[in-house]
Amino acid sequence: MTSQSLRACGAIVAALSLALPASACAGSDSPAASAAGGGNGGKPVTLTYWTWTSGAEAATAEFNRTHTDVQVRFSQIPGGPDGYSKISNAIKAGDAPDVTTVEYSMVPEFASQGYLKDLTASSGRLVAKSFPAGVQNLVTFGGKTWSVPFDATPQMYFYRKDLFEKYGVNVPTTWDEYRTAAEKIKAADPAARIGSFPTDAPLQATLSWQAGAQWFRVEGDAWKPVIDDAPSQKVAAFWQGMLDDDLVFRHGAGTPEESRSRADGTSVGVIGASWSAGPMIAAMPDLKGKWGVAPIPHWGTPASGMYGGTSFAVTRGSQHAAAAAEFVQWMTTDPASMRARIGALKSPSSALPANPAMAEVAARAFDTSYFGGQDLYALTGAQVATIVPGWTWGPVWGTVGADFKDEAARGGLPGALVKAQRSAATAITGRGLKLAG
């Protein structure tokens, strides 16, 4: 890590610590203190684990089958805002799980509210040696580790090979080429579009990240939201132009309209991530061999942001941090965990584990025939190196995401950035954090 990165990380911790109770900033339990035989009378430690992720129950069962010192009680919870509300309410009530999954975008928000244990002593070395640097930065602030990565999610571009050939369109490598391709597709078939653009904050954020934006920065011990910076406004103006000129559909992410347009060929491309391939295979089996995958178009230099991604965290109320670390390490780095997870899935998974050994297991299990023999894992794995460094998710992402989406629907993308900038500043001070001037 460069000295500049170290200074930035240190500043992030200073900002986070403003809202962290002393207990949350304390060092993690040492392994000897919480493992079986070390403070539990030789009896197995029992952990609770909450997640929404597929295959996790089977992986937990395999852990329990192969471990005697730690046993885990699994609970499935909903994903998204409902799941986070359930977790945060349980933490406030003193009835939280020991371990839960937290998306990268929510790690600073949960840490800044004192919801997470500092895992530096129990998992810091694991994160440093077992995961790519670009992913480490999302869970480690100033040498303090707040969660352990599960997957890496570089942006990818999925496209209909047969329709691109039909319309005489080359796979775009830059966003200028993407617009040109969009114009050509619409001219060839007025019912077709190059894809759809959901006006939601996660997609806007990851595309801004790719362009070099940094929506949150830290100055000294204060947070500085810069959501409407120049790279973000460039991205917003590009996509607002695509929408205004009717070059992309306005279908929301995951809506029936979006799914139908992919299946019937009116959407000939999809901006997604490594995890997008699995659901596409399950939803459109009849299109086997017709879809291809490529790196995301860029602004002149190959680059990517992270679209989604999940980590494992230990909540502040856990009395078994070392036992939790044992479980988390197994879940994120042991190939047996991935084999159990994949073996239980009814639909194919294309999630790219951040740990290389886990990624090898996932790659061997993935059927490449759907994409005409393309090695999806080799391609997505190579894109991890193009993730633009320096991105920090802020401590008020939930508020920013909701306000951005509302304003984008009413007044367009550039104005939504301005609204999100204001709402972020208000939310930061409302949280009791310091706002940079």
Protein backbone atom coordinates (compact mmCIF):
# COMPACT_ATOMS: atom_id res chain seq x y z
CA MET A 1 0.00 0.00 0.00
CA THR A 2 1.35 3.46 -0.88
CA SER A 3 1.91 6.16 1.72
CA GLN A 4 -0.95 8.10 0.11
CA SER A 5 -3.25 5.10 0.53
CA LEU A 6 -2.17 4.70 4.13
CA ARG A 7 -2.96 8.33 4.89
CA ALA A 8 -6.36 8.00 3.21
CA CYS A 9 -7.19 4.84 5.11
CA GLY A 10 -6.15 6.42 8.38
CA ALA A 11 -8.43 9.34 7.72
CA ILE A 12 -11.33 7.02 7.00
CA VAL A 13 -10.89 5.35 10.36
CA ALA A 14 -10.79 8.72 12.06
CA ALA A 15 -14.07 9.63 10.44
CA LEU A 16 -15.65 6.30 11.24
CA SER A 17 -14.53 6.47 14.84
CA LEU A 18 -16.60 9.59 15.45
CA ALA A 19 -19.72 7.42 15.63
CA LEU A 20 -18.22 4.28 17.10
CA PRO A 21 -18.68 3.49 20.77
CA ALA A 22 -15.54 2.53 22.62
CA SER A 23 -16.53 -1.13 22.66
CA ALA A 24 -16.76 -1.19 18.86
CA CYS A 25 -13.26 0.24 18.48
CA ALA A 26 -11.70 -2.19 20.93
CA GLY A 27 -9.49 -4.95 19.59
CA SER A 28 -11.06 -8.26 18.64
CA ASP A 29 -10.96 -11.23 20.96
CA SER A 30 -7.86 -13.34 20.50
CA PRO A 31 -8.48 -16.83 19.08
CA ALA A 32 -7.64 -18.49 22.39
CA ALA A 33 -10.33 -16.52 24.19
CA SER A 34 -13.32 -17.71 22.20
CA ALA A 35 -12.44 -21.02 20.59
CA ALA A 36 -13.58 -24.31 22.08
CA GLY A 37 -11.63 -25.13 25.20
CA GLY A 38 -10.66 -21.47 25.58
CA GLY A 39 -13.26 -19.90 27.81
CA ASN A 40 -16.16 -22.23 26.96
CA GLY A 41 -15.34 -25.12 29.28
CA GLY A 42 -14.27 -27.36 26.40
CA LYS A 43 -17.77 -27.33 24.91
CA PRO A 44 -18.42 -26.37 21.28
CA VAL A 45 -19.12 -22.70 20.73
CA THR A 46 -22.50 -22.13 19.08
CA LEU A 47 -22.78 -19.23 16.65
CA THR A 48 -25.77 -17.73 14.90
CA TYR A 49 -25.49 -16.77 11.23
CA TRP A 50 -27.93 -14.71 9.16
CA THR A 51 -27.78 -14.25 5.40
CA TRP A 52 -29.86 -13.97 2.24
CA THR A 53 -27.27 -15.60 -0.03
CA SER A 54 -28.05 -18.77 -1.99
CA GLY A 55 -26.34 -21.99 -0.99
CA ALA A 56 -25.27 -20.64 2.38
CA GLU A 57 -27.38 -23.09 4.35
CA ALA A 58 -25.68 -26.06 2.68
CA ALA A 59 -22.25 -24.54 3.26
CA THR A 60 -23.12 -24.03 6.93
CA ALA A 61 -24.24 -27.64 7.23
CA GLU A 62 -20.92 -28.79 5.76
CA PHE A 63 -19.04 -26.62 8.25
CA ASN A 64 -21.00 -28.18 11.12
CA ARG A 65 -20.32 -31.66 9.77
CA THR A 66 -16.57 -31.10 9.63
CA HIS A 67 -16.03 -29.05 12.80
CA THR A 68 -16.39 -29.96 16.45
CA ASP A 69 -15.18 -26.85 18.25
CA VAL A 70 -17.70 -24.49 16.59
CA GLN A 71 -21.29 -25.14 15.51
CA VAL A 72 -23.47 -22.67 13.61
CA ARG A 73 -27.24 -22.07 13.62
CA PHE A 74 -28.31 -20.80 10.21
CA SER A 75 -31.18 -18.38 9.48
CA GLN A 76 -32.29 -17.15 6.06
CA ILE A 77 -33.26 -13.48 5.97
CA PRO A 78 -34.45 -11.27 3.11
CA GLY A 79 -31.95 -9.29 1.10
CA GLY A 80 -31.96 -5.55 0.55
CA PRO A 81 -33.45 -2.93 2.90
CA ASP A 82 -35.70 -5.41 4.71
CA GLY A 83 -32.76 -7.60 5.59
CA TYR A 84 -30.65 -4.71 6.80
CA SER A 85 -33.51 -3.42 8.94
CA LYS A 86 -33.84 -6.85 10.51
CA ILE A 87 -30.11 -6.96 11.27
CA SER A 88 -29.88 -3.42 12.65
CA ASN A 89 -33.00 -3.83 14.79
CA ALA A 90 -31.63 -7.05 16.24
CA ILE A 91 -28.31 -5.36 17.03
CA LYS A 92 -30.09 -2.51 18.83
CA ALA A 93 -32.19 -5.02 20.77
CA GLY A 94 -29.14 -7.02 21.82
CA ASP A 95 -30.37 -10.06 19.90
CA ALA A 96 -28.12 -9.92 16.86
CA PRO A 97 -26.51 -12.86 15.08
CA ASP A 98 -22.82 -13.46 15.61
CA VAL A 99 -22.14 -13.44 11.88
CA THR A 100 -24.04 -11.83 9.02
CA THR A 101 -23.41 -10.88 5.42
CA VAL A 102 -23.05 -7.19 4.61
CA GLU A 103 -22.67 -5.77 1.12
CA TYR A 104 -19.55 -3.70 0.54
CA SER A 105 -21.64 -0.56 0.07
CA MET A 106 -23.08 -0.98 3.58
CA VAL A 107 -19.89 -1.79 5.51
CA PRO A 108 -19.02 1.88 6.32
CA GLU A 109 -22.64 2.59 7.25
CA PHE A 110 -22.80 -0.32 9.69
CA ALA A 111 -19.33 0.38 11.06
CA SER A 112 -20.05 4.09 11.58
CA GLN A 113 -23.09 3.19 13.68
CA GLY A 114 -21.07 0.86 15.87
CA TYR A 115 -22.86 -2.23 14.62
CA LEU A 116 -19.73 -4.22 13.70
CA LYS A 117 -16.85 -5.70 15.64
CA ASP A 118 -13.34 -4.69 14.71
CA LEU A 119 -11.92 -7.88 13.20
CA THR A 120 -8.32 -6.70 12.93
CA ALA A 121 -6.87 -9.16 15.43
CA SER A 122 -8.90 -12.17 14.32
CA SER A 123 -9.20 -11.65 10.55
CA GLY A 124 -6.94 -8.82 9.48
CA ARG A 125 -4.09 -11.08 8.42
CA LEU A 126 -6.51 -13.33 6.53
CA VAL A 127 -7.86 -10.41 4.52
CA ALA A 128 -4.37 -9.08 3.78
CA LYS A 129 -3.00 -12.35 2.44
CA SER A 130 -6.02 -14.01 0.84
CA PHE A 131 -7.83 -11.32 -1.18
CA PRO A 132 -7.02 -8.87 -4.03
CA ALA A 133 -5.99 -5.38 -3.00
CA GLY A 134 -8.96 -3.77 -4.73
CA VAL A 135 -11.34 -5.82 -2.62
CA GLN A 136 -9.37 -5.42 0.62
CA ASN A 137 -9.88 -1.66 0.40
CA LEU A 138 -13.64 -2.09 0.72
CA VAL A 139 -13.48 -3.86 4.09
CA THR A 140 -10.30 -2.49 5.69
CA PHE A 141 -10.01 1.10 6.84
CA GLY A 142 -6.70 2.38 8.17
CA GLY A 143 -5.47 -1.10 9.04
CA LYS A 144 -8.71 -1.96 10.85
CA THR A 145 -10.65 -4.80 9.30
CA TRP A 146 -14.45 -4.56 9.55
CA SER A 147 -15.51 -7.55 7.46
CA VAL A 148 -14.08 -10.34 5.28
CA PRO A 149 -14.70 -10.36 1.50
CA PHE A 150 -16.72 -13.06 -0.17
CA ASP A 151 -16.91 -12.10 -3.84
CA ALA A 152 -15.47 -9.69 -6.39
CA THR A 153 -17.90 -8.03 -8.78
CA PRO A 154 -16.21 -6.21 -11.66
CA GLN A 155 -18.60 -4.80 -14.24
CA MET A 156 -19.11 -6.87 -17.40
CA TYR A 157 -20.99 -6.44 -20.66
CA PHE A 158 -23.30 -9.20 -21.92
CA TYR A 159 -24.51 -9.09 -25.51
CA ARG A 160 -26.47 -11.12 -28.06
CA LYS A 161 -23.87 -12.38 -30.51
CA ASP A 162 -26.45 -13.35 -33.11
CA LEU A 163 -28.21 -9.99 -33.04
CA PHE A 164 -25.00 -7.97 -33.07
CA GLU A 165 -24.08 -9.88 -36.22
CA LYS A 166 -27.54 -9.37 -37.69
CA TYR A 167 -27.37 -5.60 -37.13
CA GLY A 168 -23.74 -5.36 -38.25
CA VAL A 169 -22.60 -4.03 -34.88
CA ASN A 170 -19.22 -4.61 -33.28
CA VAL A 171 -18.95 -5.20 -29.53
CA PRO A 172 -18.25 -1.71 -28.11
CA THR A 173 -15.05 -1.18 -26.16
CA THR A 174 -15.68 2.49 -25.31
CA TRP A 175 -18.80 4.38 -24.33
CA ASP A 176 -18.65 6.43 -27.55
CA GLU A 177 -18.72 3.15 -29.48
CA TYR A 178 -21.59 2.01 -27.27
CA ARG A 179 -23.71 5.02 -28.29
CA THR A 180 -22.84 4.50 -31.95
CA ALA A 181 -23.87 0.86 -31.66
CA ALA A 182 -27.10 1.89 -29.94
CA GLU A 183 -27.98 4.25 -32.79
CA LYS A 184 -27.24 1.57 -35.38
CA ILE A 185 -29.37 -1.04 -33.59
CA LYS A 186 -32.35 1.28 -33.28
CA ALA A 187 -32.07 2.30 -36.93
CA ALA A 188 -31.97 -1.36 -38.03
CA ASP A 189 -34.91 -2.38 -35.82
CA PRO A 190 -37.05 0.37 -34.27
CA ALA A 191 -38.33 -2.10 -31.65
CA ALA A 192 -34.84 -3.07 -30.46
CA ARG A 193 -32.45 -1.29 -28.11
CA ILE A 194 -28.90 -1.93 -27.05
CA GLY A 195 -30.20 -2.49 -23.52
CA SER A 196 -31.97 -0.83 -20.63
CA PHE A 197 -30.72 1.64 -18.07
CA PRO A 198 -32.28 1.37 -14.61
CA THR A 199 -32.06 4.79 -12.99
CA ASP A 200 -30.97 3.50 -9.61
CA ALA A 201 -28.07 4.50 -7.41
CA PRO A 202 -26.07 1.23 -7.47
CA LEU A 203 -25.64 1.30 -11.25
CA GLN A 204 -24.98 5.04 -11.33
CA ALA A 205 -22.41 4.65 -8.58
CA THR A 206 -20.50 1.82 -10.20
CA LEU A 207 -20.41 3.58 -13.58
CA SER A 208 -19.20 6.76 -11.86
CA TRP A 209 -16.58 4.72 -10.02
CA GLN A 210 -15.37 3.36 -13.37
CA ALA A 211 -15.04 6.93 -14.66
CA GLY A 212 -12.78 7.92 -11.76
CA ALA A 213 -15.33 9.38 -9.34
CA GLN A 214 -15.05 9.05 -5.57
CA TRP A 215 -18.45 9.71 -4.08
CA PHE A 216 -17.12 9.95 -0.52
CA ARG A 217 -13.80 11.27 0.70
CA VAL A 218 -12.33 11.90 4.10
CA GLU A 219 -10.65 15.13 5.15
CA GLY A 220 -9.01 14.83 8.54
CA ASP A 221 -11.69 13.43 10.80
CA ALA A 222 -14.62 14.49 8.60
CA TRP A 223 -16.56 12.97 5.72
CA LYS A 224 -16.85 14.87 2.45
CA PRO A 225 -19.54 13.74 -0.01
CA VAL A 226 -18.63 14.53 -3.64
CA ILE A 227 -21.43 12.72 -5.42
CA ASP A 228 -21.94 15.40 -8.06
CA ASP A 229 -18.26 15.61 -9.05
CA ALA A 230 -17.13 16.01 -12.66
CA PRO A 231 -16.70 12.29 -13.52
CA SER A 232 -20.13 11.50 -12.10
CA GLN A 233 -21.77 14.34 -14.01
CA LYS A 234 -20.07 13.14 -17.20
CA VAL A 235 -21.57 9.69 -16.69
CA ALA A 236 -24.97 11.14 -15.80
CA ALA A 237 -25.00 13.38 -18.88
CA PHE A 238 -24.09 10.44 -21.13
CA TRP A 239 -26.89 8.24 -19.83
CA GLN A 240 -29.44 11.04 -19.69
CA GLY A 241 -28.69 11.61 -23.36
CA MET A 242 -29.18 7.92 -24.09
CA LEU A 243 -32.53 8.03 -22.29
CA ASP A 244 -33.68 11.29 -23.87
CA ASP A 245 -32.82 10.03 -27.35
CA ASP A 246 -34.66 6.76 -26.73
CA LEU A 247 -31.53 4.68 -27.32
CA VAL A 248 -32.07 2.50 -24.25
CA PHE A 249 -35.14 1.20 -22.50
CA ARG A 250 -36.09 2.65 -19.11
CA HIS A 251 -36.90 -0.75 -17.59
CA GLY A 252 -36.12 -1.02 -13.89
CA ALA A 253 -33.58 -3.59 -12.78
CA GLY A 254 -35.17 -6.99 -12.27
CA THR A 255 -38.61 -5.92 -13.50
CA PRO A 256 -40.79 -8.17 -15.67
CA GLU A 257 -40.35 -5.68 -18.52
CA GLU A 258 -36.58 -5.95 -18.37
CA SER A 259 -36.70 -9.75 -18.24
CA ARG A 260 -39.07 -9.94 -21.21
CA SER A 261 -36.95 -7.63 -23.33
CA ARG A 262 -33.89 -9.79 -22.73
CA ALA A 263 -35.77 -12.97 -23.54
CA ASP A 264 -37.48 -11.70 -26.70
CA GLY A 265 -34.36 -10.06 -28.12
CA THR A 266 -35.51 -6.45 -28.02
CA SER A 267 -32.74 -5.81 -25.46
CA VAL A 268 -29.57 -6.97 -27.18
CA GLY A 269 -27.17 -6.18 -24.35
CA VAL A 270 -26.94 -6.05 -20.56
CA ILE A 271 -24.63 -4.09 -18.27
CA GLY A 272 -23.99 -6.42 -15.38
CA ALA A 273 -21.26 -8.01 -13.31
CA SER A 274 -19.71 -11.41 -12.77
CA TRP A 275 -22.79 -12.59 -10.86
CA SER A 276 -25.19 -11.69 -13.69
CA ALA A 277 -24.46 -14.73 -15.84
CA GLY A 278 -26.05 -17.34 -13.59
CA PRO A 279 -29.52 -15.76 -13.47
CA MET A 280 -29.38 -15.18 -17.23
CA ILE A 281 -28.74 -18.88 -17.86
CA ALA A 282 -31.61 -19.87 -15.60
CA ALA A 283 -34.05 -17.34 -17.08
CA MET A 284 -33.20 -17.83 -20.76
CA PRO A 285 -32.15 -21.45 -21.35
CA ASP A 286 -33.40 -21.36 -24.95
CA LEU A 287 -30.81 -18.70 -25.82
CA LYS A 288 -27.86 -20.95 -25.06
CA GLY A 289 -24.94 -20.12 -27.34
CA LYS A 290 -26.42 -16.78 -28.41
CA TRP A 291 -25.07 -14.65 -25.57
CA GLY A 292 -21.48 -13.46 -25.29
CA VAL A 293 -19.61 -11.61 -22.55
CA ALA A 294 -16.99 -8.88 -22.79
CA PRO A 295 -15.30 -6.29 -20.58
CA ILE A 296 -17.43 -3.25 -19.81
CA PRO A 297 -16.99 -0.33 -22.26
CA HIS A 298 -14.74 2.40 -20.88
CA TRP A 299 -13.84 6.06 -21.31
CA GLY A 300 -10.55 5.49 -23.10
CA THR A 301 -8.62 3.26 -20.70
CA PRO A 302 -9.82 -0.20 -19.64
CA ALA A 303 -11.40 0.18 -16.20
CA SER A 304 -14.14 -1.22 -14.00
CA GLY A 305 -16.03 -0.47 -10.84
CA MET A 306 -17.55 -3.02 -8.49
CA TYR A 307 -21.24 -3.72 -9.09
CA GLY A 308 -22.47 -5.26 -5.85
CA GLY A 309 -20.48 -7.65 -3.72
CA THR A 310 -20.82 -9.20 -0.28
CA SER A 311 -18.68 -9.66 2.81
CA PHE A 312 -18.92 -11.45 6.16
CA ALA A 313 -19.12 -9.34 9.32
CA VAL A 314 -19.30 -10.05 13.05
CA THR A 315 -21.81 -7.93 14.94
CA ARG A 316 -20.88 -5.94 18.00
CA GLY A 317 -22.83 -8.11 20.42
CA SER A 318 -21.03 -11.34 19.59
CA GLN A 319 -19.24 -12.94 22.53
CA HIS A 320 -17.40 -15.37 20.26
CA ALA A 321 -15.29 -13.30 17.90
CA ALA A 322 -12.55 -15.92 17.52
CA ALA A 323 -15.03 -18.73 16.83
CA ALA A 324 -16.77 -16.43 14.35
CA ALA A 325 -13.42 -15.79 12.68
CA GLU A 326 -12.90 -19.54 12.30
CA PHE A 327 -16.30 -19.89 10.62
CA VAL A 328 -15.82 -16.83 8.40
CA GLN A 329 -12.39 -17.99 7.27
CA TRP A 330 -13.79 -21.37 6.28
CA MET A 331 -16.76 -19.81 4.46
CA THR A 332 -14.60 -17.39 2.45
CA THR A 333 -11.44 -19.39 1.71
CA ASP A 334 -12.00 -23.13 2.06
CA PRO A 335 -12.83 -24.85 -1.25
CA ALA A 336 -15.11 -27.27 0.63
CA SER A 337 -17.38 -24.34 1.40
CA MET A 338 -17.72 -23.45 -2.27
CA ARG A 339 -18.31 -27.07 -3.28
CA ALA A 340 -21.12 -27.34 -0.74
CA ARG A 341 -22.62 -24.02 -1.76
CA ILE A 342 -22.62 -24.79 -5.48
CA GLY A 343 -23.80 -28.36 -4.97
CA ALA A 344 -26.95 -27.13 -3.25
CA LEU A 345 -27.97 -24.61 -5.90
CA LYS A 346 -30.89 -25.37 -8.18
CA SER A 347 -29.77 -22.65 -10.59
CA PRO A 348 -26.22 -22.04 -11.86
CA SER A 349 -24.06 -19.53 -10.04
CA SER A 350 -21.52 -17.25 -11.68
CA ALA A 351 -20.45 -15.39 -8.54
CA LEU A 352 -16.70 -14.75 -8.62
CA PRO A 353 -15.27 -15.54 -5.18
CA ALA A 354 -12.63 -13.01 -4.21
CA ASN A 355 -10.36 -15.76 -2.89
CA PRO A 356 -8.47 -17.46 -5.76
CA ALA A 357 -8.81 -21.01 -4.40
CA MET A 358 -12.58 -20.57 -4.09
CA ALA A 359 -12.73 -19.07 -7.59
CA GLU A 360 -11.02 -22.17 -9.02
CA VAL A 361 -13.75 -24.39 -7.55
CA ALA A 362 -16.50 -22.14 -8.91
CA ALA A 363 -14.88 -22.04 -12.34
CA ARG A 364 -14.65 -25.84 -12.58
CA ALA A 365 -18.36 -26.14 -11.77
CA PHE A 366 -19.51 -23.56 -14.32
CA ASP A 367 -20.85 -24.77 -17.67
CA THR A 368 -19.22 -22.58 -20.32
CA SER A 369 -21.40 -23.87 -23.14
CA TYR A 370 -24.11 -21.25 -22.58
CA PHE A 371 -21.66 -18.54 -23.68
CA GLY A 372 -20.35 -20.58 -26.59
CA GLY A 373 -17.38 -21.91 -24.67
CA GLN A 374 -16.14 -18.57 -23.35
CA ASP A 375 -14.21 -18.96 -20.11
CA LEU A 376 -16.35 -16.66 -18.00
CA TYR A 377 -14.23 -16.98 -14.87
CA ALA A 378 -10.99 -16.26 -16.68
CA LEU A 379 -12.55 -13.17 -18.23
CA THR A 380 -14.17 -11.82 -15.07
CA GLY A 381 -11.11 -12.69 -13.00
CA ALA A 382 -8.92 -10.64 -15.34
CA GLN A 383 -11.21 -7.63 -14.86
CA VAL A 384 -10.52 -7.55 -11.12
CA ALA A 385 -7.18 -5.95 -11.94
CA THR A 386 -8.97 -3.11 -13.77
CA ILE A 387 -11.05 -2.05 -10.75
CA VAL A 388 -10.27 1.61 -10.20
CA PRO A 389 -8.62 2.06 -6.77
CA GLY A 390 -9.61 4.64 -4.19
CA TRP A 391 -13.37 4.19 -4.04
CA THR A 392 -14.91 4.54 -0.57
CA TRP A 393 -18.55 3.79 0.19
CA GLY A 394 -19.90 6.43 2.54
CA PRO A 395 -21.58 6.00 5.92
CA VAL A 396 -25.06 6.99 4.67
CA TRP A 397 -25.49 4.88 1.55
CA GLY A 398 -29.06 3.85 2.32
CA THR A 399 -30.23 7.47 2.35
CA VAL A 400 -28.23 8.41 -0.73
CA GLY A 401 -29.55 5.49 -2.75
CA ALA A 402 -33.18 6.17 -1.95
CA ASP A 403 -33.00 9.91 -2.62
CA PHE A 404 -31.08 9.43 -5.86
CA LYS A 405 -33.65 7.00 -7.22
CA ASP A 406 -36.59 9.27 -6.35
CA GLU A 407 -35.03 12.34 -7.94
CA ALA A 408 -33.84 10.46 -11.04
CA ALA A 409 -37.41 9.39 -11.72
CA ARG A 410 -38.66 12.97 -11.40
CA GLY A 411 -35.94 15.23 -12.74
CA GLY A 412 -33.25 13.21 -14.46
CA LEU A 413 -29.81 11.88 -13.60
CA PRO A 414 -27.73 15.09 -13.32
CA GLY A 415 -30.23 16.59 -10.88
CA ALA A 416 -30.37 13.32 -8.95
CA LEU A 417 -26.63 13.61 -8.26
CA VAL A 418 -27.13 17.10 -6.84
CA LYS A 419 -30.03 15.87 -4.68
CA ALA A 420 -27.98 12.92 -3.45
CA GLN A 421 -25.09 15.25 -2.62
CA ARG A 422 -27.36 17.39 -0.43
CA SER A 423 -29.04 14.42 1.22
CA ALA A 424 -25.66 12.84 1.99
CA ALA A 425 -24.46 15.99 3.75
CA THR A 426 -27.65 16.21 5.78
CA ALA A 427 -27.54 12.54 6.70
CA ILE A 428 -23.88 12.67 7.75
CA THR A 429 -24.50 15.47 10.23
CA GLY A 430 -27.74 13.83 11.34
CA ARG A 431 -25.79 10.69 12.15
CA GLY A 432 -23.50 12.68 14.43
CA LEU A 433 -20.53 12.46 12.06
CA LYS A 434 -18.43 15.47 11.12
CA LEU A 435 -19.01 16.99 7.69
CA ALA A 436 -16.01 18.49 5.89
CA GLY A 437 -16.44 22.10 4.83
